[in-house]
């Protein structure tokens, strides 16, 4: 089954109802995008995903400048 969602000018998309149901998503839930070659899979984030992201947070300070905020604001 395929589901379609259109990107906004800020590159945001609504997750279709069928996908939300399959993943059991509710407002406030986080999702993970897994990229392999030219394919992207989306799944519900787990506590381990959040722990991993939190662990990396302190190593990414090199991109915390005002210039970076401006350059990546629309992403």
PDB file of N, CA and C in Angstrom:
ATOM      1  N   UNK A   1       0.845  -1.175   0.000  1.00  0.00           N
ATOM      2  CA  UNK A   1       0.000   0.000   0.000  1.00  0.00           C
ATOM      3  C   UNK A   1       0.888   1.235   0.000  1.00  0.00           C
ATOM      4  N   UNK A   2       0.524   2.224  -0.758  1.00  0.00           N
ATOM      5  CA  UNK A   2       1.240   3.496  -0.790  1.00  0.00           C
ATOM      6  C   UNK A   2       0.367   4.576  -0.168  1.00  0.00           C
ATOM      7  N   UNK A   3       1.012   5.515   0.504  1.00  0.00           N
ATOM      8  CA  UNK A   3       0.326   6.661   1.089  1.00  0.00           C
ATOM      9  C   UNK A   3       1.060   7.910   0.626  1.00  0.00           C
ATOM     10  N   UNK A   4       0.331   8.960   0.338  1.00  0.00           N
ATOM     11  CA  UNK A   4       0.898  10.191  -0.196  1.00  0.00           C
ATOM     12  C   UNK A   4       0.713  11.328   0.795  1.00  0.00           C
ATOM     13  N   UNK A   5       1.740  12.156   0.919  1.00  0.00           N
ATOM     14  CA  UNK A   5       1.675  13.347   1.750  1.00  0.00           C
ATOM     15  C   UNK A   5       2.451  14.446   1.035  1.00  0.00           C
ATOM     16  N   UNK A   6       1.929  15.652   1.039  1.00  0.00           N
ATOM     17  CA  UNK A   6       2.549  16.768   0.337  1.00  0.00           C
ATOM     18  C   UNK A   6       3.388  17.606   1.307  1.00  0.00           C
ATOM     19  N   UNK A   7       4.566  18.051   0.856  1.00  0.00           N
ATOM     20  CA  UNK A   7       5.427  18.890   1.674  1.00  0.00           C
ATOM     21  C   UNK A   7       4.959  20.340   1.658  1.00  0.00           C
ATOM     22  N   UNK A   8       5.073  20.981   2.819  1.00  0.00           N
ATOM     23  CA  UNK A   8       4.787  22.416   2.894  1.00  0.00           C
ATOM     24  C   UNK A   8       6.040  23.179   2.491  1.00  0.00           C
ATOM     25  N   UNK A   9       5.962  24.504   2.455  1.00  0.00           N
ATOM     26  CA  UNK A   9       7.119  25.332   2.116  1.00  0.00           C
ATOM     27  C   UNK A   9       8.242  25.190   3.142  1.00  0.00           C
ATOM     28  N   UNK A  10       7.920  24.705   4.341  1.00  0.00           N
ATOM     29  CA  UNK A  10       8.931  24.471   5.381  1.00  0.00           C
ATOM     30  C   UNK A  10       9.351  23.008   5.437  1.00  0.00           C
ATOM     31  N   UNK A  11       9.033  22.252   4.382  1.00  0.00           N
ATOM     32  CA  UNK A  11       9.376  20.838   4.251  1.00  0.00           C
ATOM     33  C   UNK A  11       8.748  19.969   5.338  1.00  0.00           C
ATOM     34  N   UNK A  12       7.577  20.343   5.784  1.00  0.00           N
ATOM     35  CA  UNK A  12       6.830  19.544   6.749  1.00  0.00           C
ATOM     36  C   UNK A  12       5.781  18.735   5.991  1.00  0.00           C
ATOM     37  N   UNK A  13       5.457  17.559   6.531  1.00  0.00           N
ATOM     38  CA  UNK A  13       4.458  16.697   5.914  1.00  0.00           C
ATOM     39  C   UNK A  13       3.585  16.095   7.004  1.00  0.00           C
ATOM     40  N   UNK A  14       2.342  15.843   6.681  1.00  0.00           N
ATOM     41  CA  UNK A  14       1.437  15.153   7.583  1.00  0.00           C
ATOM     42  C   UNK A  14       1.608  13.656   7.385  1.00  0.00           C
ATOM     43  N   UNK A  15       1.720  12.923   8.481  1.00  0.00           N
ATOM     44  CA  UNK A  15       1.798  11.471   8.384  1.00  0.00           C
ATOM     45  C   UNK A  15       0.378  10.961   8.154  1.00  0.00           C
ATOM     46  N   UNK A  16       0.142  10.270   7.047  1.00  0.00           N
ATOM     47  CA  UNK A  16      -1.213   9.819   6.727  1.00  0.00           C
ATOM     48  C   UNK A  16      -1.804   8.937   7.841  1.00  0.00           C
ATOM     49  N   UNK A  17      -3.121   8.989   7.958  1.00  0.00           N
ATOM     50  CA  UNK A  17      -3.845   8.242   8.986  1.00  0.00           C
ATOM     51  C   UNK A  17      -3.498   6.752   8.969  1.00  0.00           C
ATOM     52  N   UNK A  18      -3.449   6.151   7.799  1.00  0.00           N
ATOM     53  CA  UNK A  18      -3.145   4.716   7.718  1.00  0.00           C
ATOM     54  C   UNK A  18      -1.777   4.406   8.321  1.00  0.00           C
ATOM     55  N   UNK A  19      -0.799   5.288   8.085  1.00  0.00           N
ATOM     56  CA  UNK A  19       0.544   5.091   8.638  1.00  0.00           C
ATOM     57  C   UNK A  19       0.515   5.294  10.150  1.00  0.00           C
ATOM     58  N   UNK A  20      -0.184   6.328  10.611  1.00  0.00           N
ATOM     59  CA  UNK A  20      -0.306   6.571  12.057  1.00  0.00           C
ATOM     60  C   UNK A  20      -0.927   5.375  12.756  1.00  0.00           C
ATOM     61  N   UNK A  21      -1.921   4.777  12.130  1.00  0.00           N
ATOM     62  CA  UNK A  21      -2.577   3.607  12.730  1.00  0.00           C
ATOM     63  C   UNK A  21      -1.635   2.418  12.803  1.00  0.00           C
ATOM     64  N   UNK A  22      -0.919   2.140  11.716  1.00  0.00           N
ATOM     65  CA  UNK A  22       0.008   1.006  11.697  1.00  0.00           C
ATOM     66  C   UNK A  22       1.090   1.179  12.759  1.00  0.00           C
ATOM     67  N   UNK A  23       1.607   2.406  12.908  1.00  0.00           N
ATOM     68  CA  UNK A  23       2.683   2.657  13.871  1.00  0.00           C
ATOM     69  C   UNK A  23       2.166   2.950  15.276  1.00  0.00           C
ATOM     70  N   UNK A  24       0.847   3.118  15.410  1.00  0.00           N
ATOM     71  CA  UNK A  24       0.273   3.425  16.716  1.00  0.00           C
ATOM     72  C   UNK A  24       0.701   4.793  17.230  1.00  0.00           C
ATOM     73  N   UNK A  25       0.820   5.765  16.315  1.00  0.00           N
ATOM     74  CA  UNK A  25       1.295   7.094  16.687  1.00  0.00           C
ATOM     75  C   UNK A  25       0.194   7.955  17.286  1.00  0.00           C
ATOM     76  N   UNK A  26       0.606   8.756  18.269  1.00  0.00           N
ATOM     77  CA  UNK A  26      -0.289   9.724  18.907  1.00  0.00           C
ATOM     78  C   UNK A  26       0.415  11.077  18.906  1.00  0.00           C
ATOM     79  N   UNK A  27      -0.318  12.180  19.071  1.00  0.00           N
ATOM     80  CA  UNK A  27       0.334  13.495  19.130  1.00  0.00           C
ATOM     81  C   UNK A  27       1.441  13.503  20.183  1.00  0.00           C
ATOM     82  N   UNK A  28       2.586  14.058  19.815  1.00  0.00           N
ATOM     83  CA  UNK A  28       3.717  14.128  20.727  1.00  0.00           C
ATOM     84  C   UNK A  28       4.702  12.983  20.582  1.00  0.00           C
ATOM     85  N   UNK A  29       4.312  11.907  19.892  1.00  0.00           N
ATOM     86  CA  UNK A  29       5.235  10.793  19.675  1.00  0.00           C
ATOM     87  C   UNK A  29       6.359  11.228  18.739  1.00  0.00           C
ATOM     88  N   UNK A  30       7.497  10.577  18.853  1.00  0.00           N
ATOM     89  CA  UNK A  30       8.629  10.831  17.964  1.00  0.00           C
ATOM     90  C   UNK A  30       8.726   9.699  16.956  1.00  0.00           C
ATOM     91  N   UNK A  31       9.231  10.036  15.773  1.00  0.00           N
ATOM     92  CA  UNK A  31       9.462   9.024  14.742  1.00  0.00           C
ATOM     93  C   UNK A  31      10.931   9.051  14.348  1.00  0.00           C
ATOM     94  N   UNK A  32      11.393   7.931  13.820  1.00  0.00           N
ATOM     95  CA  UNK A  32      12.769   7.787  13.356  1.00  0.00           C
ATOM     96  C   UNK A  32      12.729   7.529  11.855  1.00  0.00           C
ATOM     97  N   UNK A  33      13.612   8.202  11.120  1.00  0.00           N
ATOM     98  CA  UNK A  33      13.757   7.964   9.690  1.00  0.00           C
ATOM     99  C   UNK A  33      15.041   7.173   9.488  1.00  0.00           C
ATOM    100  N   UNK A  34      14.928   5.968   8.953  1.00  0.00           N
ATOM    101  CA  UNK A  34      16.086   5.123   8.673  1.00  0.00           C
ATOM    102  C   UNK A  34      16.360   5.184   7.176  1.00  0.00           C
ATOM    103  N   UNK A  35      17.577   5.584   6.823  1.00  0.00           N
ATOM    104  CA  UNK A  35      17.941   5.794   5.424  1.00  0.00           C
ATOM    105  C   UNK A  35      18.931   4.724   4.986  1.00  0.00           C
ATOM    106  N   UNK A  36      18.601   4.055   3.879  1.00  0.00           N
ATOM    107  CA  UNK A  36      19.483   3.056   3.293  1.00  0.00           C
ATOM    108  C   UNK A  36      19.441   3.229   1.779  1.00  0.00           C
ATOM    109  N   UNK A  37      20.561   3.657   1.235  1.00  0.00           N
ATOM    110  CA  UNK A  37      20.653   3.969  -0.197  1.00  0.00           C
ATOM    111  C   UNK A  37      19.592   5.019  -0.547  1.00  0.00           C
ATOM    112  N   UNK A  38      18.683   4.686  -1.455  1.00  0.00           N
ATOM    113  CA  UNK A  38      17.662   5.658  -1.850  1.00  0.00           C
ATOM    114  C   UNK A  38      16.305   5.366  -1.210  1.00  0.00           C
ATOM    115  N   UNK A  39      16.292   4.559  -0.142  1.00  0.00           N
ATOM    116  CA  UNK A  39      15.043   4.213   0.538  1.00  0.00           C
ATOM    117  C   UNK A  39      15.035   4.790   1.947  1.00  0.00           C
ATOM    118  N   UNK A  40      13.880   5.259   2.355  1.00  0.00           N
ATOM    119  CA  UNK A  40      13.704   5.804   3.701  1.00  0.00           C
ATOM    120  C   UNK A  40      12.533   5.083   4.351  1.00  0.00           C
ATOM    121  N   UNK A  41      12.770   4.584   5.562  1.00  0.00           N
ATOM    122  CA  UNK A  41      11.703   3.928   6.325  1.00  0.00           C
ATOM    123  C   UNK A  41      11.418   4.799   7.538  1.00  0.00           C
ATOM    124  N   UNK A  42      10.161   4.872   7.921  1.00  0.00           N
ATOM    125  CA  UNK A  42       9.792   5.619   9.115  1.00  0.00           C
ATOM    126  C   UNK A  42       9.217   4.633  10.126  1.00  0.00           C
ATOM    127  N   UNK A  43       9.591   4.831  11.391  1.00  0.00           N
ATOM    128  CA  UNK A  43       9.062   3.979  12.445  1.00  0.00           C
ATOM    129  C   UNK A  43       8.921   4.812  13.707  1.00  0.00           C
ATOM    130  N   UNK A  44       8.163   4.279  14.621  1.00  0.00           N
ATOM    131  CA  UNK A  44       7.983   4.942  15.909  1.00  0.00           C
ATOM    132  C   UNK A  44       9.300   4.891  16.681  1.00  0.00           C
ATOM    133  N   UNK A  45       9.695   5.998  17.303  1.00  0.00           N
ATOM    134  CA  UNK A  45      10.930   6.045  18.085  1.00  0.00           C
ATOM    135  C   UNK A  45      10.763   5.252  19.374  1.00  0.00           C
ATOM    136  N   UNK A  46      11.842   4.619  19.793  1.00  0.00           N
ATOM    137  CA  UNK A  46      11.854   3.850  21.030  1.00  0.00           C
ATOM    138  C   UNK A  46      12.661   4.620  22.081  1.00  0.00           C
ATOM    139  N   UNK A  47      12.552   4.222  23.340  1.00  0.00           N
ATOM    140  CA  UNK A  47      13.390   4.868  24.371  1.00  0.00           C
ATOM    141  C   UNK A  47      14.882   4.784  24.041  1.00  0.00           C
ATOM    142  N   UNK A  48      15.326   3.694  23.408  1.00  0.00           N
ATOM    143  CA  UNK A  48      16.730   3.562  23.033  1.00  0.00           C
ATOM    144  C   UNK A  48      17.127   4.619  22.002  1.00  0.00           C
ATOM    145  N   UNK A  49      16.234   4.927  21.052  1.00  0.00           N
ATOM    146  CA  UNK A  49      16.505   5.982  20.068  1.00  0.00           C
ATOM    147  C   UNK A  49      16.725   7.312  20.776  1.00  0.00           C
ATOM    148  N   UNK A  50      15.888   7.603  21.760  1.00  0.00           N
ATOM    149  CA  UNK A  50      16.004   8.867  22.496  1.00  0.00           C
ATOM    150  C   UNK A  50      17.295   8.916  23.305  1.00  0.00           C
ATOM    151  N   UNK A  51      17.672   7.797  23.926  1.00  0.00           N
ATOM    152  CA  UNK A  51      18.917   7.739  24.695  1.00  0.00           C
ATOM    153  C   UNK A  51      20.123   7.963  23.790  1.00  0.00           C
ATOM    154  N   UNK A  52      20.101   7.367  22.612  1.00  0.00           N
ATOM    155  CA  UNK A  52      21.192   7.527  21.655  1.00  0.00           C
ATOM    156  C   UNK A  52      21.301   8.988  21.219  1.00  0.00           C
ATOM    157  N   UNK A  53      20.181   9.600  20.884  1.00  0.00           N
ATOM    158  CA  UNK A  53      20.191  11.004  20.462  1.00  0.00           C
ATOM    159  C   UNK A  53      20.692  11.899  21.596  1.00  0.00           C
ATOM    160  N   UNK A  54      20.262  11.624  22.811  1.00  0.00           N
ATOM    161  CA  UNK A  54      20.697  12.400  23.969  1.00  0.00           C
ATOM    162  C   UNK A  54      22.203  12.265  24.170  1.00  0.00           C
ATOM    163  N   UNK A  55      22.733  11.052  23.974  1.00  0.00           N
ATOM    164  CA  UNK A  55      24.167  10.815  24.135  1.00  0.00           C
ATOM    165  C   UNK A  55      24.978  11.589  23.092  1.00  0.00           C
ATOM    166  N   UNK A  56      24.459  11.723  21.890  1.00  0.00           N
ATOM    167  CA  UNK A  56      25.154  12.447  20.830  1.00  0.00           C
ATOM    168  C   UNK A  56      25.074  13.960  21.001  1.00  0.00           C
ATOM    169  N   UNK A  57      24.064  14.422  21.684  1.00  0.00           N
ATOM    170  CA  UNK A  57      23.791  15.850  21.808  1.00  0.00           C
ATOM    171  C   UNK A  57      25.033  16.651  22.207  1.00  0.00           C
ATOM    172  N   UNK A  58      25.776  16.190  23.178  1.00  0.00           N
ATOM    173  CA  UNK A  58      26.938  16.918  23.663  1.00  0.00           C
ATOM    174  C   UNK A  58      28.096  16.945  22.691  1.00  0.00           C
ATOM    175  N   UNK A  59      28.089  16.068  21.680  1.00  0.00           N
ATOM    176  CA  UNK A  59      29.189  16.022  20.718  1.00  0.00           C
ATOM    177  C   UNK A  59      28.942  16.914  19.511  1.00  0.00           C
ATOM    178  N   UNK A  60      27.785  17.528  19.428  1.00  0.00           N
ATOM    179  CA  UNK A  60      27.416  18.305  18.240  1.00  0.00           C
ATOM    180  C   UNK A  60      27.480  19.815  18.465  1.00  0.00           C
ATOM    181  N   UNK A  61      28.226  20.258  19.448  1.00  0.00           N
ATOM    182  CA  UNK A  61      28.266  21.685  19.789  1.00  0.00           C
ATOM    183  C   UNK A  61      28.943  22.542  18.728  1.00  0.00           C
ATOM    184  N   UNK A  62      29.712  21.922  17.828  1.00  0.00           N
ATOM    185  CA  UNK A  62      30.395  22.714  16.809  1.00  0.00           C
ATOM    186  C   UNK A  62      29.421  23.408  15.864  1.00  0.00           C
ATOM    187  N   UNK A  63      28.152  23.006  15.855  1.00  0.00           N
ATOM    188  CA  UNK A  63      27.161  23.606  14.969  1.00  0.00           C
ATOM    189  C   UNK A  63      26.177  24.492  15.722  1.00  0.00           C
ATOM    190  N   UNK A  64      26.572  25.050  16.832  1.00  0.00           N
ATOM    191  CA  UNK A  64      25.662  25.860  17.636  1.00  0.00           C
ATOM    192  C   UNK A  64      25.922  27.359  17.500  1.00  0.00           C
ATOM    193  N   UNK A  65      26.334  27.786  16.334  1.00  0.00           N
ATOM    194  CA  UNK A  65      26.598  29.212  16.136  1.00  0.00           C
ATOM    195  C   UNK A  65      25.375  29.922  15.572  1.00  0.00           C
ATOM    196  N   UNK A  66      25.364  31.229  15.692  1.00  0.00           N
ATOM    197  CA  UNK A  66      24.287  32.046  15.128  1.00  0.00           C
ATOM    198  C   UNK A  66      24.237  31.862  13.604  1.00  0.00           C
ATOM    199  N   UNK A  67      25.399  31.737  12.979  1.00  0.00           N
ATOM    200  CA  UNK A  67      25.470  31.556  11.523  1.00  0.00           C
ATOM    201  C   UNK A  67      24.835  30.223  11.106  1.00  0.00           C
ATOM    202  N   UNK A  68      25.078  29.170  11.891  1.00  0.00           N
ATOM    203  CA  UNK A  68      24.474  27.880  11.585  1.00  0.00           C
ATOM    204  C   UNK A  68      22.961  27.931  11.753  1.00  0.00           C
ATOM    205  N   UNK A  69      22.500  28.602  12.809  1.00  0.00           N
ATOM    206  CA  UNK A  69      21.055  28.761  13.005  1.00  0.00           C
ATOM    207  C   UNK A  69      20.427  29.416  11.787  1.00  0.00           C
ATOM    208  N   UNK A  70      21.068  30.455  11.281  1.00  0.00           N
ATOM    209  CA  UNK A  70      20.552  31.163  10.109  1.00  0.00           C
ATOM    210  C   UNK A  70      20.589  30.272   8.866  1.00  0.00           C
ATOM    211  N   UNK A  71      21.682  29.555   8.675  1.00  0.00           N
ATOM    212  CA  UNK A  71      21.850  28.731   7.465  1.00  0.00           C
ATOM    213  C   UNK A  71      20.873  27.568   7.423  1.00  0.00           C
ATOM    214  N   UNK A  72      20.534  27.006   8.578  1.00  0.00           N
ATOM    215  CA  UNK A  72      19.702  25.806   8.613  1.00  0.00           C
ATOM    216  C   UNK A  72      18.295  26.048   9.136  1.00  0.00           C
ATOM    217  N   UNK A  73      17.899  27.283   9.271  1.00  0.00           N
ATOM    218  CA  UNK A  73      16.598  27.632   9.843  1.00  0.00           C
ATOM    219  C   UNK A  73      15.430  26.977   9.116  1.00  0.00           C
ATOM    220  N   UNK A  74      15.509  26.877   7.814  1.00  0.00           N
ATOM    221  CA  UNK A  74      14.384  26.364   7.017  1.00  0.00           C
ATOM    222  C   UNK A  74      14.371  24.841   6.900  1.00  0.00           C
ATOM    223  N   UNK A  75      15.301  24.162   7.497  1.00  0.00           N
ATOM    224  CA  UNK A  75      15.317  22.686   7.398  1.00  0.00           C
ATOM    225  C   UNK A  75      14.350  22.048   8.339  1.00  0.00           C
TER     226      UNK A  75
END
